[in-house]
Amino acid sequence: MFTKLMPGRTTAAAEGDVVVLLIGMRINHFRGLHHWLPVMLAMTRMLRELRAERSRGLLGHVLLTASPRTYYVVQYWESKEKLYAYAAAPDMFHRRAWAMLNRKEKKSRQHVGLWHETYIVPEGGYESIYADMPAFGLAAATGSLPIEGRGRSAAHRLAHRSGVK
Protein backbone atom coordinates (compact mmCIF):
# COMPACT_ATOMS: atom_id res chain seq x y z
CA MET A 1 0.00 0.00 0.00
CA PHE A 2 1.36 3.39 -1.00
CA THR A 3 0.51 6.48 0.97
CA LYS A 4 0.71 10.04 -0.24
CA LEU A 5 3.91 11.88 0.63
CA MET A 6 3.51 15.26 2.26
CA PRO A 7 6.22 17.32 0.54
CA GLY A 8 8.36 19.61 2.63
CA ARG A 9 8.22 19.90 6.38
CA THR A 10 5.00 19.32 8.30
CA THR A 11 3.94 18.93 11.90
CA ALA A 12 1.06 17.17 13.66
CA ALA A 13 -2.14 19.19 13.94
CA ALA A 14 -2.81 17.88 17.47
CA GLU A 15 -4.50 20.30 19.86
CA GLY A 16 -4.60 20.02 23.64
CA ASP A 17 -3.33 17.05 25.62
CA VAL A 18 -2.14 13.93 23.80
CA VAL A 19 -2.83 10.45 25.19
CA VAL A 20 -0.34 7.81 24.06
CA LEU A 21 -0.64 4.12 24.89
CA LEU A 22 2.22 1.76 24.12
CA ILE A 23 1.06 -1.84 24.39
CA GLY A 24 2.81 -4.99 23.38
CA MET A 25 3.85 -8.57 23.83
CA ARG A 26 7.05 -10.55 23.90
CA ILE A 27 7.22 -14.13 22.69
CA ASN A 28 9.29 -15.90 25.34
CA HIS A 29 9.08 -19.38 23.77
CA PHE A 30 8.37 -19.68 20.05
CA ARG A 31 7.22 -23.29 20.54
CA GLY A 32 4.36 -22.05 22.74
CA LEU A 33 2.45 -20.88 19.65
CA HIS A 34 -0.90 -21.82 21.21
CA HIS A 35 -0.08 -19.44 24.11
CA TRP A 36 1.15 -16.35 22.27
CA LEU A 37 -0.76 -16.46 18.98
CA PRO A 38 -4.15 -15.84 20.67
CA VAL A 39 -2.63 -12.76 22.36
CA MET A 40 -1.43 -11.41 19.01
CA LEU A 41 -4.79 -12.11 17.38
CA ALA A 42 -6.65 -10.47 20.28
CA MET A 43 -4.76 -7.22 19.72
CA THR A 44 -5.61 -7.16 16.02
CA ARG A 45 -9.26 -7.88 16.86
CA MET A 46 -9.36 -4.99 19.36
CA LEU A 47 -7.85 -2.62 16.78
CA ARG A 48 -10.48 -3.66 14.20
CA GLU A 49 -13.19 -3.14 16.80
CA LEU A 50 -11.89 0.34 17.61
CA ARG A 51 -11.59 1.31 13.93
CA ALA A 52 -15.22 0.28 13.43
CA GLU A 53 -16.38 2.43 16.38
CA ARG A 54 -14.45 5.70 16.09
CA SER A 55 -16.57 7.21 18.87
CA ARG A 56 -14.66 5.01 21.35
CA GLY A 57 -11.74 7.44 21.06
CA LEU A 58 -8.85 5.75 19.26
CA LEU A 59 -7.47 8.39 16.89
CA GLY A 60 -4.80 6.25 15.26
CA HIS A 61 -2.16 3.63 15.80
CA VAL A 62 1.16 2.30 14.50
CA LEU A 63 2.13 -1.38 14.63
CA LEU A 64 5.82 -1.90 15.36
CA THR A 65 8.32 -4.59 16.16
CA ALA A 66 11.35 -4.31 18.40
CA SER A 67 12.73 -7.75 17.54
CA PRO A 68 11.51 -11.07 16.16
CA ARG A 69 10.10 -11.67 19.66
CA THR A 70 8.61 -8.29 20.58
CA TYR A 71 5.62 -6.62 18.92
CA TYR A 72 3.81 -3.52 20.03
CA VAL A 73 1.30 -0.86 19.08
CA VAL A 74 1.60 2.88 19.61
CA GLN A 75 -1.94 4.19 20.06
CA TYR A 76 -3.15 7.80 20.13
CA TRP A 77 -6.39 8.46 22.04
CA GLU A 78 -8.81 11.39 22.25
CA SER A 79 -8.69 11.36 26.04
CA LYS A 80 -7.69 9.24 29.00
CA GLU A 81 -11.39 8.96 29.89
CA LYS A 82 -12.16 7.31 26.53
CA LEU A 83 -9.18 4.96 26.95
CA TYR A 84 -10.36 3.95 30.43
CA ALA A 85 -13.96 3.57 29.19
CA TYR A 86 -12.89 1.23 26.39
CA ALA A 87 -10.73 -0.85 28.73
CA ALA A 88 -13.65 -1.31 31.14
CA ALA A 89 -16.54 -1.60 28.65
CA PRO A 90 -18.34 -4.92 29.20
CA ASP A 91 -19.58 -4.97 25.58
CA MET A 92 -16.12 -4.63 24.02
CA PHE A 93 -13.59 -7.39 23.31
CA HIS A 94 -10.90 -6.02 25.66
CA ARG A 95 -12.76 -7.23 28.76
CA ARG A 96 -13.23 -10.75 27.32
CA ALA A 97 -9.59 -10.89 26.20
CA TRP A 98 -8.35 -9.97 29.70
CA ALA A 99 -10.68 -12.51 31.28
CA MET A 100 -9.32 -15.24 28.97
CA LEU A 101 -5.75 -14.20 29.65
CA ASN A 102 -6.26 -14.19 33.42
CA ARG A 103 -7.73 -17.72 33.28
CA LYS A 104 -4.75 -18.98 31.28
CA GLU A 105 -2.09 -16.85 32.98
CA LYS A 106 -0.31 -19.57 34.97
CA LYS A 107 0.06 -21.75 31.87
CA SER A 108 0.94 -18.87 29.53
CA ARG A 109 3.18 -16.87 31.85
CA GLN A 110 6.41 -18.46 30.67
CA HIS A 111 5.45 -18.35 26.98
CA VAL A 112 4.28 -14.78 26.41
CA GLY A 113 4.98 -11.52 28.19
CA LEU A 114 2.66 -8.51 28.10
CA TRP A 115 3.25 -4.86 28.83
CA HIS A 116 1.76 -1.43 28.41
CA GLU A 117 2.71 2.14 29.21
CA THR A 118 0.29 5.07 29.16
CA TYR A 119 1.37 8.69 28.80
CA ILE A 120 -0.84 11.74 29.21
CA VAL A 121 1.22 14.46 27.56
CA PRO A 122 0.00 17.99 28.29
CA GLU A 123 -0.16 20.57 25.56
CA GLY A 124 3.28 22.15 25.35
CA GLY A 125 4.91 18.82 26.22
CA TYR A 126 5.10 17.43 22.68
CA GLU A 127 6.15 18.56 19.23
CA SER A 128 6.71 16.86 15.91
CA ILE A 129 8.34 17.36 12.57
CA TYR A 130 8.01 15.26 9.44
CA ALA A 131 10.16 15.89 6.35
CA ASP A 132 8.90 14.51 3.05
CA MET A 133 6.91 11.81 4.85
CA PRO A 134 3.44 10.41 4.47
CA ALA A 135 1.23 11.08 7.49
CA PHE A 136 2.76 9.03 10.32
CA GLY A 137 2.36 8.63 14.06
CA LEU A 138 0.71 11.61 15.73
CA ALA A 139 0.18 13.35 12.37
CA ALA A 140 -1.64 10.30 10.99
CA ALA A 141 -3.86 10.33 14.08
CA THR A 142 -4.61 14.06 14.25
CA GLY A 143 -3.82 15.42 10.79
CA SER A 144 -0.83 17.42 9.64
CA LEU A 145 -0.15 20.99 8.68
CA PRO A 146 2.76 22.94 7.24
CA ILE A 147 5.51 23.50 9.79
CA GLU A 148 4.95 27.27 9.61
CA GLY A 149 1.57 26.69 11.29
CA ARG A 150 3.37 25.88 14.54
CA GLY A 151 6.81 27.44 14.10
CA ARG A 152 10.07 26.49 12.50
CA SER A 153 11.84 25.48 15.71
CA ALA A 154 11.04 22.83 18.30
CA ALA A 155 10.87 25.61 20.91
CA HIS A 156 8.15 27.41 18.92
CA ARG A 157 6.19 24.20 18.35
CA LEU A 158 6.38 23.35 22.06
CA ALA A 159 5.15 26.85 22.89
CA HIS A 160 2.01 26.43 20.71
CA ARG A 161 -1.28 26.64 22.60
CA SER A 162 -4.74 25.72 21.28
CA GLY A 163 -6.87 28.72 20.42
CA VAL A 164 -3.98 31.19 20.80
CA LYS A 165 -2.89 32.92 17.60
C-alpha atoms as a PDB file:
ATOM      1  CA  MET A   1       0.000   0.000   0.000  1.00  0.00           C
ATOM      2  CA  PHE A   2       1.362   3.389  -1.002  1.00  0.00           C
ATOM      3  CA  THR A   3       0.513   6.484   0.974  1.00  0.00           C
ATOM      4  CA  LYS A   4       0.713  10.043  -0.241  1.00  0.00           C
ATOM      5  CA  LEU A   5       3.912  11.878   0.633  1.00  0.00           C
ATOM      6  CA  MET A   6       3.510  15.255   2.257  1.00  0.00           C
ATOM      7  CA  PRO A   7       6.217  17.321   0.538  1.00  0.00           C
ATOM      8  CA  GLY A   8       8.357  19.609   2.631  1.00  0.00           C
ATOM      9  CA  ARG A   9       8.221  19.897   6.385  1.00  0.00           C
ATOM     10  CA  THR A  10       5.002  19.317   8.300  1.00  0.00           C
ATOM     11  CA  THR A  11       3.941  18.927  11.905  1.00  0.00           C
ATOM     12  CA  ALA A  12       1.064  17.174  13.657  1.00  0.00           C
ATOM     13  CA  ALA A  13      -2.144  19.189  13.936  1.00  0.00           C
ATOM     14  CA  ALA A  14      -2.811  17.879  17.472  1.00  0.00           C
ATOM     15  CA  GLU A  15      -4.496  20.298  19.862  1.00  0.00           C
ATOM     16  CA  GLY A  16      -4.595  20.015  23.636  1.00  0.00           C
ATOM     17  CA  ASP A  17      -3.328  17.046  25.622  1.00  0.00           C
ATOM     18  CA  VAL A  18      -2.145  13.926  23.803  1.00  0.00           C
ATOM     19  CA  VAL A  19      -2.834  10.448  25.194  1.00  0.00           C
ATOM     20  CA  VAL A  20      -0.339   7.806  24.060  1.00  0.00           C
ATOM     21  CA  LEU A  21      -0.639   4.120  24.893  1.00  0.00           C
ATOM     22  CA  LEU A  22       2.220   1.760  24.123  1.00  0.00           C
ATOM     23  CA  ILE A  23       1.056  -1.844  24.389  1.00  0.00           C
ATOM     24  CA  GLY A  24       2.806  -4.993  23.383  1.00  0.00           C
ATOM     25  CA  MET A  25       3.848  -8.566  23.827  1.00  0.00           C
ATOM     26  CA  ARG A  26       7.051 -10.552  23.895  1.00  0.00           C
ATOM     27  CA  ILE A  27       7.224 -14.132  22.692  1.00  0.00           C
ATOM     28  CA  ASN A  28       9.290 -15.902  25.337  1.00  0.00           C
ATOM     29  CA  HIS A  29       9.083 -19.377  23.771  1.00  0.00           C
ATOM     30  CA  PHE A  30       8.371 -19.677  20.049  1.00  0.00           C
ATOM     31  CA  ARG A  31       7.219 -23.285  20.540  1.00  0.00           C
ATOM     32  CA  GLY A  32       4.364 -22.052  22.737  1.00  0.00           C
ATOM     33  CA  LEU A  33       2.447 -20.882  19.649  1.00  0.00           C
ATOM     34  CA  HIS A  34      -0.902 -21.817  21.214  1.00  0.00           C
ATOM     35  CA  HIS A  35      -0.081 -19.438  24.106  1.00  0.00           C
ATOM     36  CA  TRP A  36       1.149 -16.346  22.267  1.00  0.00           C
ATOM     37  CA  LEU A  37      -0.757 -16.461  18.978  1.00  0.00           C
ATOM     38  CA  PRO A  38      -4.146 -15.844  20.671  1.00  0.00           C
ATOM     39  CA  VAL A  39      -2.632 -12.757  22.357  1.00  0.00           C
ATOM     40  CA  MET A  40      -1.430 -11.406  19.012  1.00  0.00           C
ATOM     41  CA  LEU A  41      -4.786 -12.109  17.378  1.00  0.00           C
ATOM     42  CA  ALA A  42      -6.646 -10.473  20.276  1.00  0.00           C
ATOM     43  CA  MET A  43      -4.758  -7.217  19.719  1.00  0.00           C
ATOM     44  CA  THR A  44      -5.611  -7.157  16.017  1.00  0.00           C
ATOM     45  CA  ARG A  45      -9.261  -7.880  16.864  1.00  0.00           C
ATOM     46  CA  MET A  46      -9.362  -4.994  19.361  1.00  0.00           C
ATOM     47  CA  LEU A  47      -7.853  -2.622  16.780  1.00  0.00           C
ATOM     48  CA  ARG A  48     -10.478  -3.662  14.200  1.00  0.00           C
ATOM     49  CA  GLU A  49     -13.192  -3.141  16.802  1.00  0.00           C
ATOM     50  CA  LEU A  50     -11.891   0.344  17.610  1.00  0.00           C
ATOM     51  CA  ARG A  51     -11.595   1.315  13.934  1.00  0.00           C
ATOM     52  CA  ALA A  52     -15.224   0.276  13.432  1.00  0.00           C
ATOM     53  CA  GLU A  53     -16.381   2.435  16.380  1.00  0.00           C
ATOM     54  CA  ARG A  54     -14.450   5.697  16.085  1.00  0.00           C
ATOM     55  CA  SER A  55     -16.570   7.209  18.873  1.00  0.00           C
ATOM     56  CA  ARG A  56     -14.661   5.007  21.352  1.00  0.00           C
ATOM     57  CA  GLY A  57     -11.744   7.440  21.060  1.00  0.00           C
ATOM     58  CA  LEU A  58      -8.850   5.746  19.259  1.00  0.00           C
ATOM     59  CA  LEU A  59      -7.469   8.392  16.886  1.00  0.00           C
ATOM     60  CA  GLY A  60      -4.802   6.248  15.257  1.00  0.00           C
ATOM     61  CA  HIS A  61      -2.158   3.628  15.799  1.00  0.00           C
ATOM     62  CA  VAL A  62       1.155   2.304  14.499  1.00  0.00           C
ATOM     63  CA  LEU A  63       2.128  -1.383  14.628  1.00  0.00           C
ATOM     64  CA  LEU A  64       5.815  -1.896  15.358  1.00  0.00           C
ATOM     65  CA  THR A  65       8.316  -4.594  16.158  1.00  0.00           C
ATOM     66  CA  ALA A  66      11.348  -4.308  18.397  1.00  0.00           C
ATOM     67  CA  SER A  67      12.728  -7.746  17.535  1.00  0.00           C
ATOM     68  CA  PRO A  68      11.511 -11.068  16.156  1.00  0.00           C
ATOM     69  CA  ARG A  69      10.101 -11.670  19.659  1.00  0.00           C
ATOM     70  CA  THR A  70       8.608  -8.294  20.576  1.00  0.00           C
ATOM     71  CA  TYR A  71       5.616  -6.624  18.916  1.00  0.00           C
ATOM     72  CA  TYR A  72       3.806  -3.516  20.026  1.00  0.00           C
ATOM     73  CA  VAL A  73       1.305  -0.855  19.078  1.00  0.00           C
ATOM     74  CA  VAL A  74       1.601   2.876  19.615  1.00  0.00           C
ATOM     75  CA  GLN A  75      -1.936   4.186  20.059  1.00  0.00           C
ATOM     76  CA  TYR A  76      -3.150   7.798  20.127  1.00  0.00           C
ATOM     77  CA  TRP A  77      -6.390   8.460  22.039  1.00  0.00           C
ATOM     78  CA  GLU A  78      -8.811  11.390  22.253  1.00  0.00           C
ATOM     79  CA  SER A  79      -8.685  11.364  26.042  1.00  0.00           C
ATOM     80  CA  LYS A  80      -7.695   9.236  29.002  1.00  0.00           C
ATOM     81  CA  GLU A  81     -11.391   8.960  29.888  1.00  0.00           C
ATOM     82  CA  LYS A  82     -12.157   7.309  26.533  1.00  0.00           C
ATOM     83  CA  LEU A  83      -9.184   4.965  26.947  1.00  0.00           C
ATOM     84  CA  TYR A  84     -10.363   3.954  30.426  1.00  0.00           C
ATOM     85  CA  ALA A  85     -13.956   3.565  29.193  1.00  0.00           C
ATOM     86  CA  TYR A  86     -12.887   1.235  26.386  1.00  0.00           C
ATOM     87  CA  ALA A  87     -10.732  -0.854  28.725  1.00  0.00           C
ATOM     88  CA  ALA A  88     -13.646  -1.307  31.138  1.00  0.00           C
ATOM     89  CA  ALA A  89     -16.545  -1.596  28.650  1.00  0.00           C
ATOM     90  CA  PRO A  90     -18.335  -4.917  29.200  1.00  0.00           C
ATOM     91  CA  ASP A  91     -19.576  -4.969  25.581  1.00  0.00           C
ATOM     92  CA  MET A  92     -16.116  -4.635  24.016  1.00  0.00           C
ATOM     93  CA  PHE A  93     -13.589  -7.395  23.314  1.00  0.00           C
ATOM     94  CA  HIS A  94     -10.897  -6.023  25.656  1.00  0.00           C
ATOM     95  CA  ARG A  95     -12.762  -7.233  28.757  1.00  0.00           C
ATOM     96  CA  ARG A  96     -13.228 -10.747  27.323  1.00  0.00           C
ATOM     97  CA  ALA A  97      -9.590 -10.886  26.198  1.00  0.00           C
ATOM     98  CA  TRP A  98      -8.348  -9.966  29.697  1.00  0.00           C
ATOM     99  CA  ALA A  99     -10.676 -12.512  31.283  1.00  0.00           C
ATOM    100  CA  MET A 100      -9.324 -15.239  28.970  1.00  0.00           C
ATOM    101  CA  LEU A 101      -5.750 -14.203  29.652  1.00  0.00           C
ATOM    102  CA  ASN A 102      -6.264 -14.192  33.417  1.00  0.00           C
ATOM    103  CA  ARG A 103      -7.731 -17.718  33.281  1.00  0.00           C
ATOM    104  CA  LYS A 104      -4.748 -18.979  31.282  1.00  0.00           C
ATOM    105  CA  GLU A 105      -2.088 -16.855  32.980  1.00  0.00           C
ATOM    106  CA  LYS A 106      -0.313 -19.565  34.971  1.00  0.00           C
ATOM    107  CA  LYS A 107       0.059 -21.753  31.871  1.00  0.00           C
ATOM    108  CA  SER A 108       0.943 -18.871  29.533  1.00  0.00           C
ATOM    109  CA  ARG A 109       3.180 -16.875  31.851  1.00  0.00           C
ATOM    110  CA  GLN A 110       6.414 -18.465  30.670  1.00  0.00           C
ATOM    111  CA  HIS A 111       5.452 -18.347  26.976  1.00  0.00           C
ATOM    112  CA  VAL A 112       4.285 -14.776  26.407  1.00  0.00           C
ATOM    113  CA  GLY A 113       4.978 -11.519  28.192  1.00  0.00           C
ATOM    114  CA  LEU A 114       2.656  -8.514  28.096  1.00  0.00           C
ATOM    115  CA  TRP A 115       3.253  -4.859  28.826  1.00  0.00           C
ATOM    116  CA  HIS A 116       1.760  -1.435  28.406  1.00  0.00           C
ATOM    117  CA  GLU A 117       2.712   2.143  29.211  1.00  0.00           C
ATOM    118  CA  THR A 118       0.293   5.072  29.159  1.00  0.00           C
ATOM    119  CA  TYR A 119       1.375   8.686  28.803  1.00  0.00           C
ATOM    120  CA  ILE A 120      -0.845  11.736  29.206  1.00  0.00           C
ATOM    121  CA  VAL A 121       1.215  14.463  27.558  1.00  0.00           C
ATOM    122  CA  PRO A 122       0.005  17.985  28.295  1.00  0.00           C
ATOM    123  CA  GLU A 123      -0.158  20.574  25.561  1.00  0.00           C
ATOM    124  CA  GLY A 124       3.278  22.147  25.353  1.00  0.00           C
ATOM    125  CA  GLY A 125       4.907  18.818  26.217  1.00  0.00           C
ATOM    126  CA  TYR A 126       5.100  17.427  22.681  1.00  0.00           C
ATOM    127  CA  GLU A 127       6.151  18.559  19.228  1.00  0.00           C
ATOM    128  CA  SER A 128       6.706  16.860  15.911  1.00  0.00           C
ATOM    129  CA  ILE A 129       8.340  17.363  12.568  1.00  0.00           C
ATOM    130  CA  TYR A 130       8.009  15.256   9.443  1.00  0.00           C
ATOM    131  CA  ALA A 131      10.162  15.894   6.352  1.00  0.00           C
ATOM    132  CA  ASP A 132       8.896  14.511   3.048  1.00  0.00           C
ATOM    133  CA  MET A 133       6.907  11.811   4.854  1.00  0.00           C
ATOM    134  CA  PRO A 134       3.439  10.412   4.472  1.00  0.00           C
ATOM    135  CA  ALA A 135       1.231  11.082   7.493  1.00  0.00           C
ATOM    136  CA  PHE A 136       2.760   9.027  10.316  1.00  0.00           C
ATOM    137  CA  GLY A 137       2.359   8.633  14.060  1.00  0.00           C
ATOM    138  CA  LEU A 138       0.708  11.610  15.731  1.00  0.00           C
ATOM    139  CA  ALA A 139       0.184  13.351  12.373  1.00  0.00           C
ATOM    140  CA  ALA A 140      -1.641  10.295  10.990  1.00  0.00           C
ATOM    141  CA  ALA A 141      -3.860  10.330  14.084  1.00  0.00           C
ATOM    142  CA  THR A 142      -4.607  14.063  14.247  1.00  0.00           C
ATOM    143  CA  GLY A 143      -3.815  15.419  10.795  1.00  0.00           C
ATOM    144  CA  SER A 144      -0.834  17.421   9.637  1.00  0.00           C
ATOM    145  CA  LEU A 145      -0.147  20.990   8.681  1.00  0.00           C
ATOM    146  CA  PRO A 146       2.760  22.935   7.237  1.00  0.00           C
ATOM    147  CA  ILE A 147       5.507  23.501   9.785  1.00  0.00           C
ATOM    148  CA  GLU A 148       4.946  27.269   9.609  1.00  0.00           C
ATOM    149  CA  GLY A 149       1.573  26.687  11.294  1.00  0.00           C
ATOM    150  CA  ARG A 150       3.367  25.880  14.539  1.00  0.00           C
ATOM    151  CA  GLY A 151       6.809  27.435  14.097  1.00  0.00           C
ATOM    152  CA  ARG A 152      10.069  26.492  12.496  1.00  0.00           C
ATOM    153  CA  SER A 153      11.840  25.477  15.705  1.00  0.00           C
ATOM    154  CA  ALA A 154      11.038  22.835  18.298  1.00  0.00           C
ATOM    155  CA  ALA A 155      10.866  25.613  20.913  1.00  0.00           C
ATOM    156  CA  HIS A 156       8.153  27.410  18.917  1.00  0.00           C
ATOM    157  CA  ARG A 157       6.186  24.203  18.348  1.00  0.00           C
ATOM    158  CA  LEU A 158       6.384  23.348  22.062  1.00  0.00           C
ATOM    159  CA  ALA A 159       5.149  26.852  22.893  1.00  0.00           C
ATOM    160  CA  HIS A 160       2.009  26.432  20.712  1.00  0.00           C
ATOM    161  CA  ARG A 161      -1.283  26.641  22.605  1.00  0.00           C
ATOM    162  CA  SER A 162      -4.741  25.722  21.278  1.00  0.00           C
ATOM    163  CA  GLY A 163      -6.868  28.715  20.424  1.00  0.00           C
ATOM    164  CA  VAL A 164      -3.975  31.189  20.798  1.00  0.00           C
ATOM    165  CA  LYS A 165      -2.892  32.924  17.603  1.00  0.00           C
END
